[in-house]
């Protein structure tokens, strides 16, 4: 996003600028077009902050289903 770093100081500056960009300037779809900072400020001033649940990620769910199947398979083999 902000180029390549050649020194520790440059890397630290790039990390800081990236962090600043995503918190203060990048509107997110899951926040309905608001930035993370806007959502935070609203939450700090509201009695009951608006909820922005994370949408389910089917790829991650399938991954964990595969892990569970593999564990069950290994447990069944160990009991034989």
PDB file of N, CA and C in Angstrom:
ATOM      1  N   UNK A   1       0.829  -1.196   0.000  1.00  0.00           N
ATOM      2  CA  UNK A   1       0.000   0.000   0.000  1.00  0.00           C
ATOM      3  C   UNK A   1       0.871   1.257   0.000  1.00  0.00           C
ATOM      4  N   UNK A   2       1.961   1.257   0.787  1.00  0.00           N
ATOM      5  CA  UNK A   2       2.786   2.459   0.882  1.00  0.00           C
ATOM      6  C   UNK A   2       4.229   2.227   0.440  1.00  0.00           C
ATOM      7  N   UNK A   3       4.496   1.208  -0.344  1.00  0.00           N
ATOM      8  CA  UNK A   3       5.838   1.018  -0.861  1.00  0.00           C
ATOM      9  C   UNK A   3       6.674   0.028  -0.080  1.00  0.00           C
ATOM     10  N   UNK A   4       7.948  -0.061  -0.468  1.00  0.00           N
ATOM     11  CA  UNK A   4       8.871  -1.007   0.142  1.00  0.00           C
ATOM     12  C   UNK A   4       9.730  -0.312   1.190  1.00  0.00           C
ATOM     13  N   UNK A   5      10.081  -1.076   2.207  1.00  0.00           N
ATOM     14  CA  UNK A   5      10.922  -0.542   3.282  1.00  0.00           C
ATOM     15  C   UNK A   5      12.328  -1.112   3.149  1.00  0.00           C
ATOM     16  N   UNK A   6      13.309  -0.280   3.397  1.00  0.00           N
ATOM     17  CA  UNK A   6      14.695  -0.724   3.349  1.00  0.00           C
ATOM     18  C   UNK A   6      15.362  -0.646   4.718  1.00  0.00           C
ATOM     19  N   UNK A   7      14.718   0.010   5.654  1.00  0.00           N
ATOM     20  CA  UNK A   7      15.253   0.101   7.007  1.00  0.00           C
ATOM     21  C   UNK A   7      14.132  -0.187   7.999  1.00  0.00           C
ATOM     22  N   UNK A   8      14.508  -0.382   9.237  1.00  0.00           N
ATOM     23  CA  UNK A   8      13.521  -0.618  10.292  1.00  0.00           C
ATOM     24  C   UNK A   8      12.595   0.585  10.436  1.00  0.00           C
ATOM     25  N   UNK A   9      13.152   1.766  10.374  1.00  0.00           N
ATOM     26  CA  UNK A   9      12.350   2.982  10.528  1.00  0.00           C
ATOM     27  C   UNK A   9      11.333   3.119   9.403  1.00  0.00           C
ATOM     28  N   UNK A  10      11.747   2.810   8.175  1.00  0.00           N
ATOM     29  CA  UNK A  10      10.818   2.860   7.051  1.00  0.00           C
ATOM     30  C   UNK A  10       9.706   1.834   7.220  1.00  0.00           C
ATOM     31  N   UNK A  11      10.051   0.640   7.680  1.00  0.00           N
ATOM     32  CA  UNK A  11       9.045  -0.400   7.907  1.00  0.00           C
ATOM     33  C   UNK A  11       8.054   0.038   8.974  1.00  0.00           C
ATOM     34  N   UNK A  12       8.556   0.619  10.048  1.00  0.00           N
ATOM     35  CA  UNK A  12       7.682   1.093  11.112  1.00  0.00           C
ATOM     36  C   UNK A  12       6.747   2.178  10.594  1.00  0.00           C
ATOM     37  N   UNK A  13       7.254   3.083   9.778  1.00  0.00           N
ATOM     38  CA  UNK A  13       6.438   4.151   9.210  1.00  0.00           C
ATOM     39  C   UNK A  13       5.366   3.579   8.274  1.00  0.00           C
ATOM     40  N   UNK A  14       5.720   2.608   7.454  1.00  0.00           N
ATOM     41  CA  UNK A  14       4.754   1.986   6.544  1.00  0.00           C
ATOM     42  C   UNK A  14       3.659   1.276   7.329  1.00  0.00           C
ATOM     43  N   UNK A  15       4.034   0.573   8.378  1.00  0.00           N
ATOM     44  CA  UNK A  15       3.045  -0.115   9.211  1.00  0.00           C
ATOM     45  C   UNK A  15       2.105   0.901   9.854  1.00  0.00           C
ATOM     46  N   UNK A  16       2.651   1.957  10.395  1.00  0.00           N
ATOM     47  CA  UNK A  16       1.829   2.988  11.026  1.00  0.00           C
ATOM     48  C   UNK A  16       0.875   3.616  10.022  1.00  0.00           C
ATOM     49  N   UNK A  17       1.365   3.959   8.827  1.00  0.00           N
ATOM     50  CA  UNK A  17       0.521   4.590   7.814  1.00  0.00           C
ATOM     51  C   UNK A  17      -0.570   3.645   7.326  1.00  0.00           C
ATOM     52  N   UNK A  18      -0.244   2.367   7.210  1.00  0.00           N
ATOM     53  CA  UNK A  18      -1.243   1.378   6.801  1.00  0.00           C
ATOM     54  C   UNK A  18      -2.319   1.266   7.864  1.00  0.00           C
ATOM     55  N   UNK A  19      -1.917   1.169   9.117  1.00  0.00           N
ATOM     56  CA  UNK A  19      -2.854   1.121  10.247  1.00  0.00           C
ATOM     57  C   UNK A  19      -3.754   2.353  10.238  1.00  0.00           C
ATOM     58  N   UNK A  20      -3.156   3.508  10.091  1.00  0.00           N
ATOM     59  CA  UNK A  20      -3.906   4.759  10.076  1.00  0.00           C
ATOM     60  C   UNK A  20      -4.906   4.785   8.919  1.00  0.00           C
ATOM     61  N   UNK A  21      -4.512   4.293   7.770  1.00  0.00           N
ATOM     62  CA  UNK A  21      -5.398   4.263   6.616  1.00  0.00           C
ATOM     63  C   UNK A  21      -6.624   3.399   6.888  1.00  0.00           C
ATOM     64  N   UNK A  22      -6.407   2.179   7.369  1.00  0.00           N
ATOM     65  CA  UNK A  22      -7.532   1.270   7.565  1.00  0.00           C
ATOM     66  C   UNK A  22      -8.442   1.678   8.728  1.00  0.00           C
ATOM     67  N   UNK A  23      -7.932   2.341   9.721  1.00  0.00           N
ATOM     68  CA  UNK A  23      -8.762   2.767  10.846  1.00  0.00           C
ATOM     69  C   UNK A  23      -9.536   4.048  10.528  1.00  0.00           C
ATOM     70  N   UNK A  24      -8.866   5.013   9.922  1.00  0.00           N
ATOM     71  CA  UNK A  24      -9.457   6.343   9.771  1.00  0.00           C
ATOM     72  C   UNK A  24      -9.996   6.686   8.385  1.00  0.00           C
ATOM     73  N   UNK A  25      -9.551   5.995   7.331  1.00  0.00           N
ATOM     74  CA  UNK A  25      -9.921   6.419   5.980  1.00  0.00           C
ATOM     75  C   UNK A  25     -10.633   5.369   5.144  1.00  0.00           C
ATOM     76  N   UNK A  26     -10.574   4.096   5.497  1.00  0.00           N
ATOM     77  CA  UNK A  26     -11.088   3.028   4.646  1.00  0.00           C
ATOM     78  C   UNK A  26     -12.505   2.643   5.053  1.00  0.00           C
ATOM     79  N   UNK A  27     -13.513   3.041   4.268  1.00  0.00           N
ATOM     80  CA  UNK A  27     -14.881   2.646   4.602  1.00  0.00           C
ATOM     81  C   UNK A  27     -15.073   1.155   4.334  1.00  0.00           C
ATOM     82  N   UNK A  28     -15.699   0.470   5.278  1.00  0.00           N
ATOM     83  CA  UNK A  28     -15.862  -0.974   5.159  1.00  0.00           C
ATOM     84  C   UNK A  28     -17.311  -1.334   4.880  1.00  0.00           C
ATOM     85  N   UNK A  29     -17.489  -2.299   4.005  1.00  0.00           N
ATOM     86  CA  UNK A  29     -18.820  -2.749   3.637  1.00  0.00           C
ATOM     87  C   UNK A  29     -19.587  -3.259   4.849  1.00  0.00           C
ATOM     88  N   UNK A  30     -18.905  -4.017   5.733  1.00  0.00           N
ATOM     89  CA  UNK A  30     -19.617  -4.584   6.878  1.00  0.00           C
ATOM     90  C   UNK A  30     -20.035  -3.516   7.893  1.00  0.00           C
ATOM     91  N   UNK A  31     -19.436  -2.328   7.818  1.00  0.00           N
ATOM     92  CA  UNK A  31     -19.848  -1.210   8.664  1.00  0.00           C
ATOM     93  C   UNK A  31     -20.785  -0.270   7.911  1.00  0.00           C
ATOM     94  N   UNK A  32     -21.347  -0.731   6.812  1.00  0.00           N
ATOM     95  CA  UNK A  32     -22.282   0.047   5.991  1.00  0.00           C
ATOM     96  C   UNK A  32     -21.654   1.345   5.486  1.00  0.00           C
ATOM     97  N   UNK A  33     -20.415   1.260   5.020  1.00  0.00           N
ATOM     98  CA  UNK A  33     -19.738   2.406   4.428  1.00  0.00           C
ATOM     99  C   UNK A  33     -19.055   3.334   5.405  1.00  0.00           C
ATOM    100  N   UNK A  34     -19.003   2.950   6.669  1.00  0.00           N
ATOM    101  CA  UNK A  34     -18.323   3.779   7.672  1.00  0.00           C
ATOM    102  C   UNK A  34     -16.910   3.245   7.899  1.00  0.00           C
ATOM    103  N   UNK A  35     -16.045   4.115   8.411  1.00  0.00           N
ATOM    104  CA  UNK A  35     -14.709   3.670   8.778  1.00  0.00           C
ATOM    105  C   UNK A  35     -14.752   3.049  10.180  1.00  0.00           C
ATOM    106  N   UNK A  36     -13.714   2.314  10.519  1.00  0.00           N
ATOM    107  CA  UNK A  36     -13.651   1.701  11.850  1.00  0.00           C
ATOM    108  C   UNK A  36     -13.669   2.771  12.939  1.00  0.00           C
ATOM    109  N   UNK A  37     -13.019   3.890  12.704  1.00  0.00           N
ATOM    110  CA  UNK A  37     -13.012   4.967  13.693  1.00  0.00           C
ATOM    111  C   UNK A  37     -14.404   5.569  13.873  1.00  0.00           C
ATOM    112  N   UNK A  38     -15.149   5.746  12.801  1.00  0.00           N
ATOM    113  CA  UNK A  38     -16.509   6.279  12.908  1.00  0.00           C
ATOM    114  C   UNK A  38     -17.387   5.344  13.736  1.00  0.00           C
ATOM    115  N   UNK A  39     -17.256   4.055  13.492  1.00  0.00           N
ATOM    116  CA  UNK A  39     -18.041   3.073  14.245  1.00  0.00           C
ATOM    117  C   UNK A  39     -17.656   3.126  15.716  1.00  0.00           C
ATOM    118  N   UNK A  40     -16.374   3.238  15.994  1.00  0.00           N
ATOM    119  CA  UNK A  40     -15.907   3.307  17.382  1.00  0.00           C
ATOM    120  C   UNK A  40     -16.441   4.543  18.080  1.00  0.00           C
ATOM    121  N   UNK A  41     -16.353   5.687  17.409  1.00  0.00           N
ATOM    122  CA  UNK A  41     -16.842   6.923  18.013  1.00  0.00           C
ATOM    123  C   UNK A  41     -18.339   6.860  18.290  1.00  0.00           C
ATOM    124  N   UNK A  42     -19.103   6.288  17.377  1.00  0.00           N
ATOM    125  CA  UNK A  42     -20.539   6.121  17.591  1.00  0.00           C
ATOM    126  C   UNK A  42     -20.808   5.202  18.780  1.00  0.00           C
ATOM    127  N   UNK A  43     -20.030   4.139  18.873  1.00  0.00           N
ATOM    128  CA  UNK A  43     -20.224   3.191  19.964  1.00  0.00           C
ATOM    129  C   UNK A  43     -19.908   3.821  21.317  1.00  0.00           C
ATOM    130  N   UNK A  44     -18.905   4.682  21.356  1.00  0.00           N
ATOM    131  CA  UNK A  44     -18.535   5.335  22.613  1.00  0.00           C
ATOM    132  C   UNK A  44     -19.597   6.317  23.095  1.00  0.00           C
ATOM    133  N   UNK A  45     -20.352   6.895  22.176  1.00  0.00           N
ATOM    134  CA  UNK A  45     -21.356   7.889  22.568  1.00  0.00           C
ATOM    135  C   UNK A  45     -22.768   7.310  22.702  1.00  0.00           C
ATOM    136  N   UNK A  46     -22.981   6.100  22.220  1.00  0.00           N
ATOM    137  CA  UNK A  46     -24.328   5.508  22.252  1.00  0.00           C
ATOM    138  C   UNK A  46     -24.552   4.707  23.531  1.00  0.00           C
ATOM    139  N   UNK A  47     -25.785   4.687  23.991  1.00  0.00           N
ATOM    140  CA  UNK A  47     -26.128   3.831  25.139  1.00  0.00           C
ATOM    141  C   UNK A  47     -26.129   2.364  24.740  1.00  0.00           C
ATOM    142  N   UNK A  48     -26.647   2.079  23.565  1.00  0.00           N
ATOM    143  CA  UNK A  48     -26.612   0.714  23.020  1.00  0.00           C
ATOM    144  C   UNK A  48     -26.010   0.792  21.623  1.00  0.00           C
ATOM    145  N   UNK A  49     -24.736   0.468  21.486  1.00  0.00           N
ATOM    146  CA  UNK A  49     -24.072   0.588  20.190  1.00  0.00           C
ATOM    147  C   UNK A  49     -24.676  -0.351  19.145  1.00  0.00           C
ATOM    148  N   UNK A  50     -24.630   0.085  17.915  1.00  0.00           N
ATOM    149  CA  UNK A  50     -25.109  -0.742  16.811  1.00  0.00           C
ATOM    150  C   UNK A  50     -24.187  -1.953  16.660  1.00  0.00           C
ATOM    151  N   UNK A  51     -24.773  -3.077  16.315  1.00  0.00           N
ATOM    152  CA  UNK A  51     -24.014  -4.309  16.152  1.00  0.00           C
ATOM    153  C   UNK A  51     -23.664  -4.502  14.678  1.00  0.00           C
ATOM    154  N   UNK A  52     -22.446  -4.936  14.425  1.00  0.00           N
ATOM    155  CA  UNK A  52     -21.969  -5.239  13.084  1.00  0.00           C
ATOM    156  C   UNK A  52     -21.387  -6.656  13.098  1.00  0.00           C
ATOM    157  N   UNK A  53     -22.240  -7.672  13.051  1.00  0.00           N
ATOM    158  CA  UNK A  53     -21.724  -9.044  13.120  1.00  0.00           C
ATOM    159  C   UNK A  53     -20.895  -9.395  11.890  1.00  0.00           C
ATOM    160  N   UNK A  54     -19.913 -10.232  12.104  1.00  0.00           N
ATOM    161  CA  UNK A  54     -19.069 -10.703  11.011  1.00  0.00           C
ATOM    162  C   UNK A  54     -19.842 -11.759  10.239  1.00  0.00           C
ATOM    163  N   UNK A  55     -19.897 -11.614   8.937  1.00  0.00           N
ATOM    164  CA  UNK A  55     -20.621 -12.563   8.093  1.00  0.00           C
ATOM    165  C   UNK A  55     -19.911 -13.918   8.119  1.00  0.00           C
ATOM    166  N   UNK A  56     -20.671 -14.997   8.092  1.00  0.00           N
ATOM    167  CA  UNK A  56     -20.047 -16.323   8.067  1.00  0.00           C
ATOM    168  C   UNK A  56     -19.190 -16.499   6.815  1.00  0.00           C
ATOM    169  N   UNK A  57     -18.057 -17.136   6.980  1.00  0.00           N
ATOM    170  CA  UNK A  57     -17.165 -17.416   5.866  1.00  0.00           C
ATOM    171  C   UNK A  57     -17.250 -18.910   5.590  1.00  0.00           C
ATOM    172  N   UNK A  58     -17.931 -19.261   4.520  1.00  0.00           N
ATOM    173  CA  UNK A  58     -18.176 -20.681   4.217  1.00  0.00           C
ATOM    174  C   UNK A  58     -16.876 -21.449   3.994  1.00  0.00           C
ATOM    175  N   UNK A  59     -15.869 -20.835   3.428  1.00  0.00           N
ATOM    176  CA  UNK A  59     -14.597 -21.512   3.196  1.00  0.00           C
ATOM    177  C   UNK A  59     -13.951 -21.932   4.512  1.00  0.00           C
ATOM    178  N   UNK A  60     -13.994 -21.052   5.494  1.00  0.00           N
ATOM    179  CA  UNK A  60     -13.428 -21.377   6.802  1.00  0.00           C
ATOM    180  C   UNK A  60     -14.259 -22.452   7.485  1.00  0.00           C
ATOM    181  N   UNK A  61     -15.586 -22.366   7.355  1.00  0.00           N
ATOM    182  CA  UNK A  61     -16.446 -23.399   7.939  1.00  0.00           C
ATOM    183  C   UNK A  61     -16.149 -24.770   7.336  1.00  0.00           C
ATOM    184  N   UNK A  62     -15.966 -24.842   6.014  1.00  0.00           N
ATOM    185  CA  UNK A  62     -15.634 -26.125   5.363  1.00  0.00           C
ATOM    186  C   UNK A  62     -14.281 -26.639   5.835  1.00  0.00           C
ATOM    187  N   UNK A  63     -13.329 -25.730   6.029  1.00  0.00           N
ATOM    188  CA  UNK A  63     -12.017 -26.121   6.525  1.00  0.00           C
ATOM    189  C   UNK A  63     -12.135 -26.819   7.877  1.00  0.00           C
ATOM    190  N   UNK A  64     -12.887 -26.218   8.800  1.00  0.00           N
ATOM    191  CA  UNK A  64     -13.021 -26.805  10.132  1.00  0.00           C
ATOM    192  C   UNK A  64     -13.855 -28.084  10.102  1.00  0.00           C
ATOM    193  N   UNK A  65     -14.822 -28.170   9.191  1.00  0.00           N
ATOM    194  CA  UNK A  65     -15.564 -29.419   9.032  1.00  0.00           C
ATOM    195  C   UNK A  65     -14.626 -30.538   8.596  1.00  0.00           C
ATOM    196  N   UNK A  66     -13.709 -30.222   7.698  1.00  0.00           N
ATOM    197  CA  UNK A  66     -12.714 -31.204   7.263  1.00  0.00           C
ATOM    198  C   UNK A  66     -11.816 -31.644   8.404  1.00  0.00           C
ATOM    199  N   UNK A  67     -11.430 -30.718   9.253  1.00  0.00           N
ATOM    200  CA  UNK A  67     -10.596 -31.049  10.418  1.00  0.00           C
ATOM    201  C   UNK A  67     -11.356 -31.993  11.344  1.00  0.00           C
ATOM    202  N   UNK A  68     -12.611 -31.694  11.606  1.00  0.00           N
ATOM    203  CA  UNK A  68     -13.417 -32.545  12.486  1.00  0.00           C
ATOM    204  C   UNK A  68     -13.595 -33.948  11.899  1.00  0.00           C
ATOM    205  N   UNK A  69     -13.817 -34.042  10.586  1.00  0.00           N
ATOM    206  CA  UNK A  69     -13.945 -35.352   9.939  1.00  0.00           C
ATOM    207  C   UNK A  69     -12.642 -36.134  10.057  1.00  0.00           C
ATOM    208  N   UNK A  70     -11.543 -35.448   9.862  1.00  0.00           N
ATOM    209  CA  UNK A  70     -10.235 -36.096   9.956  1.00  0.00           C
ATOM    210  C   UNK A  70      -9.977 -36.592  11.380  1.00  0.00           C
ATOM    211  N   UNK A  71     -10.329 -35.783  12.369  1.00  0.00           N
ATOM    212  CA  UNK A  71     -10.158 -36.204  13.769  1.00  0.00           C
ATOM    213  C   UNK A  71     -11.013 -37.427  14.071  1.00  0.00           C
ATOM    214  N   UNK A  72     -12.257 -37.414  13.597  1.00  0.00           N
ATOM    215  CA  UNK A  72     -13.149 -38.552  13.839  1.00  0.00           C
ATOM    216  C   UNK A  72     -12.614 -39.805  13.175  1.00  0.00           C
ATOM    217  N   UNK A  73     -12.086 -39.655  11.971  1.00  0.00           N
ATOM    218  CA  UNK A  73     -11.509 -40.791  11.241  1.00  0.00           C
ATOM    219  C   UNK A  73     -10.316 -41.369  12.013  1.00  0.00           C
ATOM    220  N   UNK A  74      -9.435 -40.537  12.504  1.00  0.00           N
ATOM    221  CA  UNK A  74      -8.248 -40.995  13.238  1.00  0.00           C
ATOM    222  C   UNK A  74      -8.640 -41.628  14.563  1.00  0.00           C
ATOM    223  N   UNK A  75      -9.647 -41.085  15.221  1.00  0.00           N
ATOM    224  CA  UNK A  75     -10.108 -41.670  16.473  1.00  0.00           C
ATOM    225  C   UNK A  75     -10.720 -43.036  16.238  1.00  0.00           C
ATOM    226  N   UNK A  76     -11.463 -43.204  15.145  1.00  0.00           N
ATOM    227  CA  UNK A  76     -12.060 -44.497  14.812  1.00  0.00           C
ATOM    228  C   UNK A  76     -10.982 -45.517  14.495  1.00  0.00           C
ATOM    229  N   UNK A  77      -9.920 -45.104  13.807  1.00  0.00           N
ATOM    230  CA  UNK A  77      -8.820 -45.999  13.477  1.00  0.00           C
ATOM    231  C   UNK A  77      -8.055 -46.387  14.738  1.00  0.00           C
ATOM    232  N   UNK A  78      -7.919 -45.464  15.674  1.00  0.00           N
ATOM    233  CA  UNK A  78      -7.171 -45.738  16.903  1.00  0.00           C
ATOM    234  C   UNK A  78      -7.926 -46.725  17.792  1.00  0.00           C
ATOM    235  N   UNK A  79      -9.248 -46.738  17.709  1.00  0.00           N
ATOM    236  CA  UNK A  79     -10.038 -47.639  18.548  1.00  0.00           C
ATOM    237  C   UNK A  79     -10.096 -49.053  17.992  1.00  0.00           C
ATOM    238  N   UNK A  80      -9.692 -49.257  16.750  1.00  0.00           N
ATOM    239  CA  UNK A  80      -9.727 -50.607  16.154  1.00  0.00           C
ATOM    240  C   UNK A  80      -8.556 -51.432  16.573  1.00  0.00           C
TER     241      UNK A  80
END
